[in-house]
Amino acid sequence: MRLKIISMMAATAALLGIAPPSQAAVDGPDVFWKLSMWGNPRALSVGMERLAEKVAAETNGKFKIKIFYGGQLSKSRENLDGLKLNAFEGAAFCNFYHPGKNPAFMVFSLPFLPLGDPRVDKYVRSKMMSHPAMIADMEKWNAIPYVSGLLPQYEILGKGEPPLTLEAWKGMRVRAGGGLGSAMEKLGAVRQTLPAGETSTAFQRGALDAAAFPYTYAHVAFKISDEADWYTSNLTPGTSECGWVFNKTAYGKLPKQYQDLLMGMRDEVMDATQAAYAEQDKKNLPMFEKTMHKITYDDATLEEFRKVAGQPVWEEWIADNADKFDSQGVFDAIWQYAEEAKATLK
């Protein structure tokens, strides 16, 4: 009789469209993680927001992850310090905000690396997240690498007279970090390393002539496009690394099923991020073309730029860091993984 009643109740619930109580795909304890991020929600954070949603769904709400924006938990340059102090469980970081804190990660800011194809970029950076030098960089801050932010290739937006030749960059104050900043210096520009959130204000004050950011989403996210008169469309000088890391102590305390859940989602996180960048380009490029002067350099000019600001910057970086870690090995790994990607992704 009891089984019959239960069966009748289940049938009635089905007829009424009442779903049975959901079972967590991954069971475990209640956990709440805070992730520190500066600025507003944007393409860079889409993948991690996907992670938070999926983790909550898979654990029936037991494992909650929340991204705190606007520097609520820490300033952009201090997120690694916060992880070391166990102030939160994860954070975003940009390598060129603090080169001394993550010297090996600065390889991603070198100009003209073979990362222009988004699929190659994802393959290479995923491999590099487990490179011993990258792990060692984060170890000092009680952090472990999780995923790359897969920042697109940079382009430059600026005010005033458009730099139609390489010579025109001489004396220009350009916001550009890491090896890209060094490349601009090779052209005679004056490098500025402002945090992203301060760049628009610097334009307004007349303290800046141009800014390099991932194309196109970051220029819009940080309102650079509101200030600019022109933009480069094919300079593609390189990119940098704004990735996501976890607090090592907090990660170590997670049950294995939660650790597996996080690590099993890395591809999905990165795919969502790259899709968000592509979607932003569809919206932003028509606006750029309508409101700004488009600069397109010819092949000879681009080749000259690579000659002046490519290999010399690579060699200087390798030499400057040889006593800190295997800088040559880190640099070579980028190219090795790029070749692997091209063979694998055919």
C-alpha atoms as a PDB file:
ATOM      1  CA  MET A   1       0.000   0.000   0.000  1.00  0.00           C
ATOM      2  CA  ARG A   2       2.836   2.413   0.894  1.00  0.00           C
ATOM      3  CA  LEU A   3       4.581   1.806  -2.449  1.00  0.00           C
ATOM      4  CA  LYS A   4       1.289   2.347  -4.245  1.00  0.00           C
ATOM      5  CA  ILE A   5       0.763   5.692  -2.505  1.00  0.00           C
ATOM      6  CA  ILE A   6       4.294   6.838  -3.349  1.00  0.00           C
ATOM      7  CA  SER A   7       3.765   5.808  -6.962  1.00  0.00           C
ATOM      8  CA  MET A   8       0.482   7.727  -7.115  1.00  0.00           C
ATOM      9  CA  MET A   9       2.136  10.823  -5.599  1.00  0.00           C
ATOM     10  CA  ALA A  10       4.940  10.700  -8.170  1.00  0.00           C
ATOM     11  CA  ALA A  11       2.448  10.356 -11.012  1.00  0.00           C
ATOM     12  CA  THR A  12       0.400  13.277  -9.697  1.00  0.00           C
ATOM     13  CA  ALA A  13       3.539  15.427  -9.396  1.00  0.00           C
ATOM     14  CA  ALA A  14       4.469  14.599 -12.983  1.00  0.00           C
ATOM     15  CA  LEU A  15       1.010  15.562 -14.222  1.00  0.00           C
ATOM     16  CA  LEU A  16       1.186  18.871 -12.356  1.00  0.00           C
ATOM     17  CA  GLY A  17       4.693  19.602 -13.676  1.00  0.00           C
ATOM     18  CA  ILE A  18       6.240  19.469 -10.214  1.00  0.00           C
ATOM     19  CA  ALA A  19       9.910  18.500 -10.419  1.00  0.00           C
ATOM     20  CA  PRO A  20      11.255  16.099  -7.799  1.00  0.00           C
ATOM     21  CA  PRO A  21      13.916  17.466  -5.425  1.00  0.00           C
ATOM     22  CA  SER A  22      17.178  17.844  -7.354  1.00  0.00           C
ATOM     23  CA  GLN A  23      20.173  15.770  -6.496  1.00  0.00           C
ATOM     24  CA  ALA A  24      23.573  17.438  -6.471  1.00  0.00           C
ATOM     25  CA  ALA A  25      25.824  16.014  -9.164  1.00  0.00           C
ATOM     26  CA  VAL A  26      28.732  16.688  -6.825  1.00  0.00           C
ATOM     27  CA  ASP A  27      27.997  16.318  -3.130  1.00  0.00           C
ATOM     28  CA  GLY A  28      30.049  17.920  -0.396  1.00  0.00           C
ATOM     29  CA  PRO A  29      30.173  20.486   2.410  1.00  0.00           C
ATOM     30  CA  ASP A  30      28.995  24.105   2.341  1.00  0.00           C
ATOM     31  CA  VAL A  31      31.798  26.350   1.026  1.00  0.00           C
ATOM     32  CA  PHE A  32      31.820  30.055   0.165  1.00  0.00           C
ATOM     33  CA  TRP A  33      34.657  31.540  -1.894  1.00  0.00           C
ATOM     34  CA  LYS A  34      35.381  35.208  -2.549  1.00  0.00           C
ATOM     35  CA  LEU A  35      37.274  36.232  -5.708  1.00  0.00           C
ATOM     36  CA  SER A  36      38.821  39.694  -5.947  1.00  0.00           C
ATOM     37  CA  MET A  37      38.505  41.719  -9.166  1.00  0.00           C
ATOM     38  CA  TRP A  38      38.893  45.393 -10.081  1.00  0.00           C
ATOM     39  CA  GLY A  39      36.653  47.299 -12.475  1.00  0.00           C
ATOM     40  CA  ASN A  40      33.203  46.220 -13.604  1.00  0.00           C
ATOM     41  CA  PRO A  41      31.975  42.877 -14.967  1.00  0.00           C
ATOM     42  CA  ARG A  42      33.310  42.500 -18.524  1.00  0.00           C
ATOM     43  CA  ALA A  43      34.468  39.953 -21.067  1.00  0.00           C
ATOM     44  CA  LEU A  44      37.509  39.039 -18.961  1.00  0.00           C
ATOM     45  CA  SER A  45      35.210  37.951 -16.126  1.00  0.00           C
ATOM     46  CA  VAL A  46      32.552  36.114 -18.182  1.00  0.00           C
ATOM     47  CA  GLY A  47      34.288  32.750 -17.935  1.00  0.00           C
ATOM     48  CA  MET A  48      34.675  32.960 -14.180  1.00  0.00           C
ATOM     49  CA  GLU A  49      31.050  34.011 -13.771  1.00  0.00           C
ATOM     50  CA  ARG A  50      30.211  30.869 -15.759  1.00  0.00           C
ATOM     51  CA  LEU A  51      32.356  28.901 -13.315  1.00  0.00           C
ATOM     52  CA  ALA A  52      30.456  30.337 -10.345  1.00  0.00           C
ATOM     53  CA  GLU A  53      27.091  29.466 -11.897  1.00  0.00           C
ATOM     54  CA  LYS A  54      28.112  25.942 -12.870  1.00  0.00           C
ATOM     55  CA  VAL A  55      29.754  25.131  -9.541  1.00  0.00           C
ATOM     56  CA  ALA A  56      26.658  26.255  -7.651  1.00  0.00           C
ATOM     57  CA  ALA A  57      24.422  24.205  -9.943  1.00  0.00           C
ATOM     58  CA  GLU A  58      26.570  21.077  -9.776  1.00  0.00           C
ATOM     59  CA  THR A  59      26.690  21.156  -5.955  1.00  0.00           C
ATOM     60  CA  ASN A  60      23.057  22.164  -5.437  1.00  0.00           C
ATOM     61  CA  GLY A  61      24.228  25.490  -4.011  1.00  0.00           C
ATOM     62  CA  LYS A  62      26.641  24.041  -1.482  1.00  0.00           C
ATOM     63  CA  PHE A  63      29.779  25.455  -3.148  1.00  0.00           C
ATOM     64  CA  LYS A  64      29.264  29.161  -3.789  1.00  0.00           C
ATOM     65  CA  ILE A  65      31.753  31.434  -5.582  1.00  0.00           C
ATOM     66  CA  LYS A  66      31.260  35.189  -5.763  1.00  0.00           C
ATOM     67  CA  ILE A  67      33.382  37.675  -7.698  1.00  0.00           C
ATOM     68  CA  PHE A  68      33.731  41.005  -5.899  1.00  0.00           C
ATOM     69  CA  TYR A  69      34.253  43.812  -8.414  1.00  0.00           C
ATOM     70  CA  GLY A  70      35.449  47.393  -8.151  1.00  0.00           C
ATOM     71  CA  GLY A  71      38.371  46.576  -5.875  1.00  0.00           C
ATOM     72  CA  GLN A  72      36.036  45.826  -2.966  1.00  0.00           C
ATOM     73  CA  LEU A  73      38.415  43.247  -1.533  1.00  0.00           C
ATOM     74  CA  SER A  74      41.759  44.576  -2.774  1.00  0.00           C
ATOM     75  CA  LYS A  75      43.341  47.061  -5.135  1.00  0.00           C
ATOM     76  CA  SER A  76      44.339  45.709  -8.539  1.00  0.00           C
ATOM     77  CA  ARG A  77      48.067  45.785  -7.760  1.00  0.00           C
ATOM     78  CA  GLU A  78      47.574  44.068  -4.390  1.00  0.00           C
ATOM     79  CA  ASN A  79      45.520  40.987  -5.231  1.00  0.00           C
ATOM     80  CA  LEU A  80      48.519  38.677  -4.926  1.00  0.00           C
ATOM     81  CA  ASP A  81      49.320  40.185  -1.535  1.00  0.00           C
ATOM     82  CA  GLY A  82      45.758  39.469  -0.448  1.00  0.00           C
ATOM     83  CA  LEU A  83      46.111  35.835  -1.431  1.00  0.00           C
ATOM     84  CA  LYS A  84      49.303  35.563   0.579  1.00  0.00           C
ATOM     85  CA  LEU A  85      47.418  36.942   3.594  1.00  0.00           C
ATOM     86  CA  ASN A  86      44.527  34.504   3.016  1.00  0.00           C
ATOM     87  CA  ALA A  87      42.181  37.498   2.700  1.00  0.00           C
ATOM     88  CA  PHE A  88      40.180  35.783  -0.061  1.00  0.00           C
ATOM     89  CA  GLU A  89      40.108  32.530  -1.978  1.00  0.00           C
ATOM     90  CA  GLY A  90      40.894  33.676  -5.505  1.00  0.00           C
ATOM     91  CA  ALA A  91      41.706  36.705  -7.627  1.00  0.00           C
ATOM     92  CA  ALA A  92      42.444  38.123 -11.021  1.00  0.00           C
ATOM     93  CA  PHE A  93      45.867  39.632 -11.650  1.00  0.00           C
ATOM     94  CA  CYS A  94      47.636  41.407 -14.483  1.00  0.00           C
ATOM     95  CA  ASN A  95      51.311  40.535 -14.802  1.00  0.00           C
ATOM     96  CA  PHE A  96      52.528  43.991 -15.827  1.00  0.00           C
ATOM     97  CA  TYR A  97      50.943  45.693 -12.792  1.00  0.00           C
ATOM     98  CA  HIS A  98      53.777  44.228 -10.716  1.00  0.00           C
ATOM     99  CA  PRO A  99      56.590  42.686 -12.818  1.00  0.00           C
ATOM    100  CA  GLY A 100      58.709  41.999  -9.755  1.00  0.00           C
ATOM    101  CA  LYS A 101      55.990  39.860  -8.196  1.00  0.00           C
ATOM    102  CA  ASN A 102      55.605  37.581 -11.226  1.00  0.00           C
ATOM    103  CA  PRO A 103      58.781  37.777 -13.333  1.00  0.00           C
ATOM    104  CA  ALA A 104      58.224  34.543 -15.286  1.00  0.00           C
ATOM    105  CA  PHE A 105      54.661  35.558 -16.165  1.00  0.00           C
ATOM    106  CA  MET A 106      56.083  38.626 -17.890  1.00  0.00           C
ATOM    107  CA  VAL A 107      56.963  36.409 -20.846  1.00  0.00           C
ATOM    108  CA  PHE A 108      53.359  36.839 -21.998  1.00  0.00           C
ATOM    109  CA  SER A 109      53.902  40.575 -22.414  1.00  0.00           C
ATOM    110  CA  LEU A 110      56.752  40.209 -24.874  1.00  0.00           C
ATOM    111  CA  PRO A 111      55.912  41.617 -28.309  1.00  0.00           C
ATOM    112  CA  PHE A 112      55.168  39.526 -31.388  1.00  0.00           C
ATOM    113  CA  LEU A 113      54.736  36.141 -29.719  1.00  0.00           C
ATOM    114  CA  PRO A 114      52.968  33.496 -31.883  1.00  0.00           C
ATOM    115  CA  LEU A 115      49.642  33.894 -30.083  1.00  0.00           C
ATOM    116  CA  GLY A 116      47.518  35.649 -32.694  1.00  0.00           C
ATOM    117  CA  ASP A 117      45.276  32.662 -33.437  1.00  0.00           C
ATOM    118  CA  PRO A 118      42.793  32.333 -30.519  1.00  0.00           C
ATOM    119  CA  ARG A 119      42.971  28.524 -30.642  1.00  0.00           C
ATOM    120  CA  VAL A 120      46.762  28.538 -30.504  1.00  0.00           C
ATOM    121  CA  ASP A 121      46.646  31.150 -27.762  1.00  0.00           C
ATOM    122  CA  LYS A 122      44.391  28.977 -25.609  1.00  0.00           C
ATOM    123  CA  TYR A 123      46.557  25.880 -26.144  1.00  0.00           C
ATOM    124  CA  VAL A 124      49.818  27.654 -25.348  1.00  0.00           C
ATOM    125  CA  ARG A 125      48.591  29.474 -22.261  1.00  0.00           C
ATOM    126  CA  SER A 126      46.870  26.392 -20.888  1.00  0.00           C
ATOM    127  CA  LYS A 127      50.166  24.523 -21.125  1.00  0.00           C
ATOM    128  CA  MET A 128      52.103  27.410 -19.618  1.00  0.00           C
ATOM    129  CA  MET A 129      49.835  27.541 -16.540  1.00  0.00           C
ATOM    130  CA  SER A 130      51.472  24.285 -15.425  1.00  0.00           C
ATOM    131  CA  HIS A 131      55.030  25.332 -16.310  1.00  0.00           C
ATOM    132  CA  PRO A 132      57.321  25.097 -13.248  1.00  0.00           C
ATOM    133  CA  ALA A 133      58.353  28.770 -13.536  1.00  0.00           C
ATOM    134  CA  MET A 134      54.731  29.939 -13.554  1.00  0.00           C
ATOM    135  CA  ILE A 135      53.893  27.740 -10.591  1.00  0.00           C
ATOM    136  CA  ALA A 136      56.930  29.097  -8.736  1.00  0.00           C
ATOM    137  CA  ASP A 137      55.864  32.685  -9.425  1.00  0.00           C
ATOM    138  CA  MET A 138      52.507  32.056  -7.749  1.00  0.00           C
ATOM    139  CA  GLU A 139      53.913  29.863  -4.989  1.00  0.00           C
ATOM    140  CA  LYS A 140      55.483  32.985  -3.452  1.00  0.00           C
ATOM    141  CA  TRP A 141      52.003  34.439  -3.020  1.00  0.00           C
ATOM    142  CA  ASN A 142      50.296  31.307  -1.684  1.00  0.00           C
ATOM    143  CA  ALA A 143      48.547  31.007  -5.038  1.00  0.00           C
ATOM    144  CA  ILE A 144      48.126  28.434  -7.788  1.00  0.00           C
ATOM    145  CA  PRO A 145      47.467  29.296 -11.450  1.00  0.00           C
ATOM    146  CA  TYR A 146      43.962  28.425 -12.612  1.00  0.00           C
ATOM    147  CA  VAL A 147      43.214  29.838 -16.061  1.00  0.00           C
ATOM    148  CA  SER A 148      44.592  32.464 -18.402  1.00  0.00           C
ATOM    149  CA  GLY A 149      42.419  35.454 -19.172  1.00  0.00           C
ATOM    150  CA  LEU A 150      43.370  34.857 -22.839  1.00  0.00           C
ATOM    151  CA  LEU A 151      43.615  38.568 -23.535  1.00  0.00           C
ATOM    152  CA  PRO A 152      43.317  39.315 -27.256  1.00  0.00           C
ATOM    153  CA  GLN A 153      46.085  41.027 -29.171  1.00  0.00           C
ATOM    154  CA  TYR A 154      46.472  44.679 -28.235  1.00  0.00           C
ATOM    155  CA  GLU A 155      45.803  47.672 -30.400  1.00  0.00           C
ATOM    156  CA  ILE A 156      46.326  51.317 -29.502  1.00  0.00           C
ATOM    157  CA  LEU A 157      43.817  54.154 -29.190  1.00  0.00           C
ATOM    158  CA  GLY A 158      44.885  57.762 -28.825  1.00  0.00           C
ATOM    159  CA  LYS A 159      44.106  61.461 -28.972  1.00  0.00           C
ATOM    160  CA  GLY A 160      45.483  64.133 -31.251  1.00  0.00           C
ATOM    161  CA  GLU A 161      47.359  63.631 -34.487  1.00  0.00           C
ATOM    162  CA  PRO A 162      47.266  59.997 -35.689  1.00  0.00           C
ATOM    163  CA  PRO A 163      50.726  58.299 -35.826  1.00  0.00           C
ATOM    164  CA  LEU A 164      50.665  57.273 -39.466  1.00  0.00           C
ATOM    165  CA  THR A 165      54.369  56.320 -39.476  1.00  0.00           C
ATOM    166  CA  LEU A 166      56.645  54.651 -36.937  1.00  0.00           C
ATOM    167  CA  GLU A 167      58.558  57.915 -36.559  1.00  0.00           C
ATOM    168  CA  ALA A 168      55.373  59.641 -35.411  1.00  0.00           C
ATOM    169  CA  TRP A 169      55.374  57.619 -32.178  1.00  0.00           C
ATOM    170  CA  LYS A 170      58.481  59.412 -30.938  1.00  0.00           C
ATOM    171  CA  GLY A 171      57.753  61.358 -27.782  1.00  0.00           C
ATOM    172  CA  MET A 172      54.183  60.085 -27.425  1.00  0.00           C
ATOM    173  CA  ARG A 173      53.099  59.122 -23.911  1.00  0.00           C
ATOM    174  CA  VAL A 174      51.733  55.604 -24.291  1.00  0.00           C
ATOM    175  CA  ARG A 175      50.110  53.453 -21.615  1.00  0.00           C
ATOM    176  CA  ALA A 176      51.655  50.029 -22.320  1.00  0.00           C
ATOM    177  CA  GLY A 177      52.998  47.425 -19.932  1.00  0.00           C
ATOM    178  CA  GLY A 178      55.722  44.817 -19.953  1.00  0.00           C
ATOM    179  CA  GLY A 179      57.501  43.930 -23.184  1.00  0.00           C
ATOM    180  CA  LEU A 180      54.924  45.859 -25.177  1.00  0.00           C
ATOM    181  CA  GLY A 181      55.966  48.974 -23.272  1.00  0.00           C
ATOM    182  CA  SER A 182      59.577  48.177 -24.127  1.00  0.00           C
ATOM    183  CA  ALA A 183      58.615  47.804 -27.778  1.00  0.00           C
ATOM    184  CA  MET A 184      56.995  51.228 -27.773  1.00  0.00           C
ATOM    185  CA  GLU A 185      60.116  52.677 -26.162  1.00  0.00           C
ATOM    186  CA  LYS A 186      62.134  51.298 -29.084  1.00  0.00           C
ATOM    187  CA  LEU A 187      60.024  53.586 -31.270  1.00  0.00           C
ATOM    188  CA  GLY A 188      60.836  56.550 -29.032  1.00  0.00           C
ATOM    189  CA  ALA A 189      57.535  56.600 -27.137  1.00  0.00           C
ATOM    190  CA  VAL A 190      57.405  57.351 -23.413  1.00  0.00           C
ATOM    191  CA  ARG A 191      56.006  54.357 -21.557  1.00  0.00           C
ATOM    192  CA  GLN A 192      53.305  54.818 -18.916  1.00  0.00           C
ATOM    193  CA  THR A 193      52.121  51.948 -16.682  1.00  0.00           C
ATOM    194  CA  LEU A 194      48.847  53.240 -15.293  1.00  0.00           C
ATOM    195  CA  PRO A 195      46.239  50.845 -13.889  1.00  0.00           C
ATOM    196  CA  ALA A 196      43.434  50.333 -16.375  1.00  0.00           C
ATOM    197  CA  GLY A 197      40.888  52.201 -14.279  1.00  0.00           C
ATOM    198  CA  GLU A 198      43.009  55.376 -14.215  1.00  0.00           C
ATOM    199  CA  THR A 199      43.682  55.573 -17.944  1.00  0.00           C
ATOM    200  CA  SER A 200      40.544  57.398 -19.075  1.00  0.00           C
ATOM    201  CA  THR A 201      41.101  60.063 -16.427  1.00  0.00           C
ATOM    202  CA  ALA A 202      44.702  60.495 -17.601  1.00  0.00           C
ATOM    203  CA  PHE A 203      43.390  61.203 -21.116  1.00  0.00           C
ATOM    204  CA  GLN A 204      40.966  63.760 -19.730  1.00  0.00           C
ATOM    205  CA  ARG A 205      43.754  65.515 -17.820  1.00  0.00           C
ATOM    206  CA  GLY A 206      45.975  65.613 -20.901  1.00  0.00           C
ATOM    207  CA  ALA A 207      48.568  63.416 -19.207  1.00  0.00           C
ATOM    208  CA  LEU A 208      48.403  60.652 -21.824  1.00  0.00           C
ATOM    209  CA  ASP A 209      48.455  60.472 -25.615  1.00  0.00           C
ATOM    210  CA  ALA A 210      47.672  56.826 -26.309  1.00  0.00           C
ATOM    211  CA  ALA A 211      46.847  53.547 -24.585  1.00  0.00           C
ATOM    212  CA  ALA A 212      47.353  49.900 -25.522  1.00  0.00           C
ATOM    213  CA  PHE A 213      44.636  47.500 -24.408  1.00  0.00           C
ATOM    214  CA  PRO A 214      43.208  44.181 -25.558  1.00  0.00           C
ATOM    215  CA  TYR A 215      41.257  44.862 -28.714  1.00  0.00           C
ATOM    216  CA  THR A 216      38.389  45.873 -28.595  1.00  0.00           C
ATOM    217  CA  TYR A 217      36.647  44.983 -25.363  1.00  0.00           C
ATOM    218  CA  ALA A 218      39.022  46.609 -22.873  1.00  0.00           C
ATOM    219  CA  HIS A 219      39.092  49.933 -24.702  1.00  0.00           C
ATOM    220  CA  VAL A 220      35.334  50.099 -24.283  1.00  0.00           C
ATOM    221  CA  ALA A 221      35.224  48.611 -20.787  1.00  0.00           C
ATOM    222  CA  PHE A 222      37.596  51.283 -19.486  1.00  0.00           C
ATOM    223  CA  LYS A 223      36.027  54.077 -21.592  1.00  0.00           C
ATOM    224  CA  ILE A 224      39.187  54.715 -23.622  1.00  0.00           C
ATOM    225  CA  SER A 225      37.082  54.761 -26.778  1.00  0.00           C
ATOM    226  CA  ASP A 226      35.116  57.685 -25.316  1.00  0.00           C
ATOM    227  CA  GLU A 227      38.296  59.787 -25.287  1.00  0.00           C
ATOM    228  CA  ALA A 228      40.126  58.631 -28.422  1.00  0.00           C
ATOM    229  CA  ASP A 229      40.342  60.226 -31.864  1.00  0.00           C
ATOM    230  CA  TRP A 230      42.102  57.349 -33.655  1.00  0.00           C
ATOM    231  CA  TYR A 231      42.919  53.665 -33.377  1.00  0.00           C
ATOM    232  CA  THR A 232      45.414  51.213 -34.867  1.00  0.00           C
ATOM    233  CA  SER A 233      43.735  48.324 -36.641  1.00  0.00           C
ATOM    234  CA  ASN A 234      46.613  45.972 -37.511  1.00  0.00           C
ATOM    235  CA  LEU A 235      49.615  46.818 -35.341  1.00  0.00           C
ATOM    236  CA  THR A 236      49.033  43.629 -33.268  1.00  0.00           C
ATOM    237  CA  PRO A 237      52.157  44.209 -31.175  1.00  0.00           C
ATOM    238  CA  GLY A 238      51.396  41.563 -28.582  1.00  0.00           C
ATOM    239  CA  THR A 239      49.327  41.078 -25.485  1.00  0.00           C
ATOM    240  CA  SER A 240      49.825  40.353 -21.779  1.00  0.00           C
ATOM    241  CA  GLU A 241      48.447  38.067 -19.095  1.00  0.00           C
ATOM    242  CA  CYS A 242      45.534  38.913 -16.860  1.00  0.00           C
ATOM    243  CA  GLY A 243      44.714  35.526 -15.427  1.00  0.00           C
ATOM    244  CA  TRP A 244      42.924  33.983 -12.484  1.00  0.00           C
ATOM    245  CA  VAL A 245      44.562  32.256  -9.548  1.00  0.00           C
ATOM    246  CA  PHE A 246      43.318  30.472  -6.453  1.00  0.00           C
ATOM    247  CA  ASN A 247      44.480  30.748  -2.881  1.00  0.00           C
ATOM    248  CA  LYS A 248      46.602  27.647  -2.353  1.00  0.00           C
ATOM    249  CA  THR A 249      45.523  27.173   1.257  1.00  0.00           C
ATOM    250  CA  ALA A 250      41.822  27.437   0.408  1.00  0.00           C
ATOM    251  CA  TYR A 251      42.158  25.105  -2.562  1.00  0.00           C
ATOM    252  CA  GLY A 252      44.001  22.555  -0.441  1.00  0.00           C
ATOM    253  CA  LYS A 253      41.132  22.509   2.070  1.00  0.00           C
ATOM    254  CA  LEU A 254      38.533  21.658  -0.568  1.00  0.00           C
ATOM    255  CA  PRO A 255      37.348  18.059  -0.776  1.00  0.00           C
ATOM    256  CA  LYS A 256      38.718  16.270  -3.812  1.00  0.00           C
ATOM    257  CA  GLN A 257      35.365  16.263  -5.605  1.00  0.00           C
ATOM    258  CA  TYR A 258      35.275  20.085  -5.456  1.00  0.00           C
ATOM    259  CA  GLN A 259      38.873  20.333  -6.661  1.00  0.00           C
ATOM    260  CA  ASP A 260      38.048  18.017  -9.566  1.00  0.00           C
ATOM    261  CA  LEU A 261      34.974  20.095 -10.401  1.00  0.00           C
ATOM    262  CA  LEU A 262      37.037  23.297 -10.610  1.00  0.00           C
ATOM    263  CA  MET A 263      39.844  21.797 -12.637  1.00  0.00           C
ATOM    264  CA  GLY A 264      37.435  20.030 -14.961  1.00  0.00           C
ATOM    265  CA  MET A 265      35.885  23.362 -15.931  1.00  0.00           C
ATOM    266  CA  ARG A 266      38.985  25.157 -17.173  1.00  0.00           C
ATOM    267  CA  ASP A 267      38.227  24.603 -20.850  1.00  0.00           C
ATOM    268  CA  GLU A 268      34.655  25.812 -20.443  1.00  0.00           C
ATOM    269  CA  VAL A 269      35.822  28.911 -18.576  1.00  0.00           C
ATOM    270  CA  MET A 270      38.308  29.841 -21.293  1.00  0.00           C
ATOM    271  CA  ASP A 271      35.888  29.099 -24.137  1.00  0.00           C
ATOM    272  CA  ALA A 272      33.267  31.360 -22.550  1.00  0.00           C
ATOM    273  CA  THR A 273      35.843  34.126 -22.160  1.00  0.00           C
ATOM    274  CA  GLN A 274      36.978  33.952 -25.782  1.00  0.00           C
ATOM    275  CA  ALA A 275      33.376  33.914 -26.987  1.00  0.00           C
ATOM    276  CA  ALA A 276      32.720  37.057 -24.957  1.00  0.00           C
ATOM    277  CA  TYR A 277      35.678  38.820 -26.589  1.00  0.00           C
ATOM    278  CA  ALA A 278      34.406  37.886 -30.055  1.00  0.00           C
ATOM    279  CA  GLU A 279      30.922  39.127 -29.239  1.00  0.00           C
ATOM    280  CA  GLN A 280      32.328  42.445 -28.030  1.00  0.00           C
ATOM    281  CA  ASP A 281      34.278  42.878 -31.279  1.00  0.00           C
ATOM    282  CA  LYS A 282      31.066  42.516 -33.276  1.00  0.00           C
ATOM    283  CA  LYS A 283      29.550  45.401 -31.316  1.00  0.00           C
ATOM    284  CA  ASN A 284      32.602  47.609 -30.953  1.00  0.00           C
ATOM    285  CA  LEU A 285      34.294  47.582 -34.358  1.00  0.00           C
ATOM    286  CA  PRO A 286      31.444  49.361 -36.185  1.00  0.00           C
ATOM    287  CA  MET A 287      31.468  52.005 -33.470  1.00  0.00           C
ATOM    288  CA  PHE A 288      35.246  52.442 -33.746  1.00  0.00           C
ATOM    289  CA  GLU A 289      35.004  52.866 -37.513  1.00  0.00           C
ATOM    290  CA  LYS A 290      32.243  55.436 -37.146  1.00  0.00           C
ATOM    291  CA  THR A 291      33.779  57.603 -34.411  1.00  0.00           C
ATOM    292  CA  MET A 292      37.557  57.350 -34.890  1.00  0.00           C
ATOM    293  CA  HIS A 293      40.251  57.579 -37.557  1.00  0.00           C
ATOM    294  CA  LYS A 294      41.365  54.059 -38.502  1.00  0.00           C
ATOM    295  CA  ILE A 295      45.121  53.533 -38.937  1.00  0.00           C
ATOM    296  CA  THR A 296      46.203  50.606 -41.115  1.00  0.00           C
ATOM    297  CA  TYR A 297      49.943  50.123 -41.553  1.00  0.00           C
ATOM    298  CA  ASP A 298      51.407  48.595 -44.706  1.00  0.00           C
ATOM    299  CA  ASP A 299      53.445  45.383 -44.618  1.00  0.00           C
ATOM    300  CA  ALA A 300      56.791  47.189 -44.880  1.00  0.00           C
ATOM    301  CA  THR A 301      56.008  49.339 -41.829  1.00  0.00           C
ATOM    302  CA  LEU A 302      54.897  46.334 -39.798  1.00  0.00           C
ATOM    303  CA  GLU A 303      58.025  44.416 -40.738  1.00  0.00           C
ATOM    304  CA  GLU A 304      60.178  47.349 -39.648  1.00  0.00           C
ATOM    305  CA  PHE A 305      58.320  47.522 -36.331  1.00  0.00           C
ATOM    306  CA  ARG A 306      58.969  43.822 -35.684  1.00  0.00           C
ATOM    307  CA  LYS A 307      62.636  44.252 -36.584  1.00  0.00           C
ATOM    308  CA  VAL A 308      63.138  47.229 -34.269  1.00  0.00           C
ATOM    309  CA  ALA A 309      60.948  46.123 -31.362  1.00  0.00           C
ATOM    310  CA  GLY A 310      60.762  42.329 -31.572  1.00  0.00           C
ATOM    311  CA  GLN A 311      63.906  40.266 -31.142  1.00  0.00           C
ATOM    312  CA  PRO A 312      65.886  43.007 -29.317  1.00  0.00           C
ATOM    313  CA  VAL A 313      63.191  43.098 -26.624  1.00  0.00           C
ATOM    314  CA  TRP A 314      63.149  39.288 -26.403  1.00  0.00           C
ATOM    315  CA  GLU A 315      66.924  39.140 -25.951  1.00  0.00           C
ATOM    316  CA  GLU A 316      66.940  41.851 -23.314  1.00  0.00           C
ATOM    317  CA  TRP A 317      64.192  40.114 -21.327  1.00  0.00           C
ATOM    318  CA  ILE A 318      65.966  36.753 -21.425  1.00  0.00           C
ATOM    319  CA  ALA A 319      69.259  38.314 -20.308  1.00  0.00           C
ATOM    320  CA  ASP A 320      67.677  40.428 -17.560  1.00  0.00           C
ATOM    321  CA  ASN A 321      65.927  37.410 -16.018  1.00  0.00           C
ATOM    322  CA  ALA A 322      68.515  34.663 -16.503  1.00  0.00           C
ATOM    323  CA  ASP A 323      69.587  34.851 -12.851  1.00  0.00           C
ATOM    324  CA  LYS A 324      65.981  34.702 -11.559  1.00  0.00           C
ATOM    325  CA  PHE A 325      64.681  31.628 -13.409  1.00  0.00           C
ATOM    326  CA  ASP A 326      65.247  29.732 -16.651  1.00  0.00           C
ATOM    327  CA  SER A 327      64.133  32.656 -18.802  1.00  0.00           C
ATOM    328  CA  GLN A 328      65.410  31.097 -22.013  1.00  0.00           C
ATOM    329  CA  GLY A 329      63.498  27.904 -21.256  1.00  0.00           C
ATOM    330  CA  VAL A 330      60.291  29.828 -20.511  1.00  0.00           C
ATOM    331  CA  PHE A 331      60.606  31.809 -23.743  1.00  0.00           C
ATOM    332  CA  ASP A 332      61.333  28.671 -25.771  1.00  0.00           C
ATOM    333  CA  ALA A 333      58.336  26.881 -24.232  1.00  0.00           C
ATOM    334  CA  ILE A 334      55.975  29.489 -25.717  1.00  0.00           C
ATOM    335  CA  TRP A 335      57.241  28.747 -29.222  1.00  0.00           C
ATOM    336  CA  GLN A 336      57.355  24.981 -28.653  1.00  0.00           C
ATOM    337  CA  TYR A 337      53.723  24.886 -27.502  1.00  0.00           C
ATOM    338  CA  ALA A 338      52.694  27.123 -30.388  1.00  0.00           C
ATOM    339  CA  GLU A 339      54.170  24.616 -32.830  1.00  0.00           C
ATOM    340  CA  GLU A 340      52.410  21.772 -31.008  1.00  0.00           C
ATOM    341  CA  ALA A 341      49.133  23.667 -31.233  1.00  0.00           C
ATOM    342  CA  LYS A 342      49.463  24.227 -34.973  1.00  0.00           C
ATOM    343  CA  ALA A 343      50.100  20.507 -35.504  1.00  0.00           C
ATOM    344  CA  THR A 344      47.327  19.432 -33.122  1.00  0.00           C
ATOM    345  CA  LEU A 345      44.656  21.866 -34.325  1.00  0.00           C
ATOM    346  CA  LYS A 346      44.975  21.176 -38.070  1.00  0.00           C
END
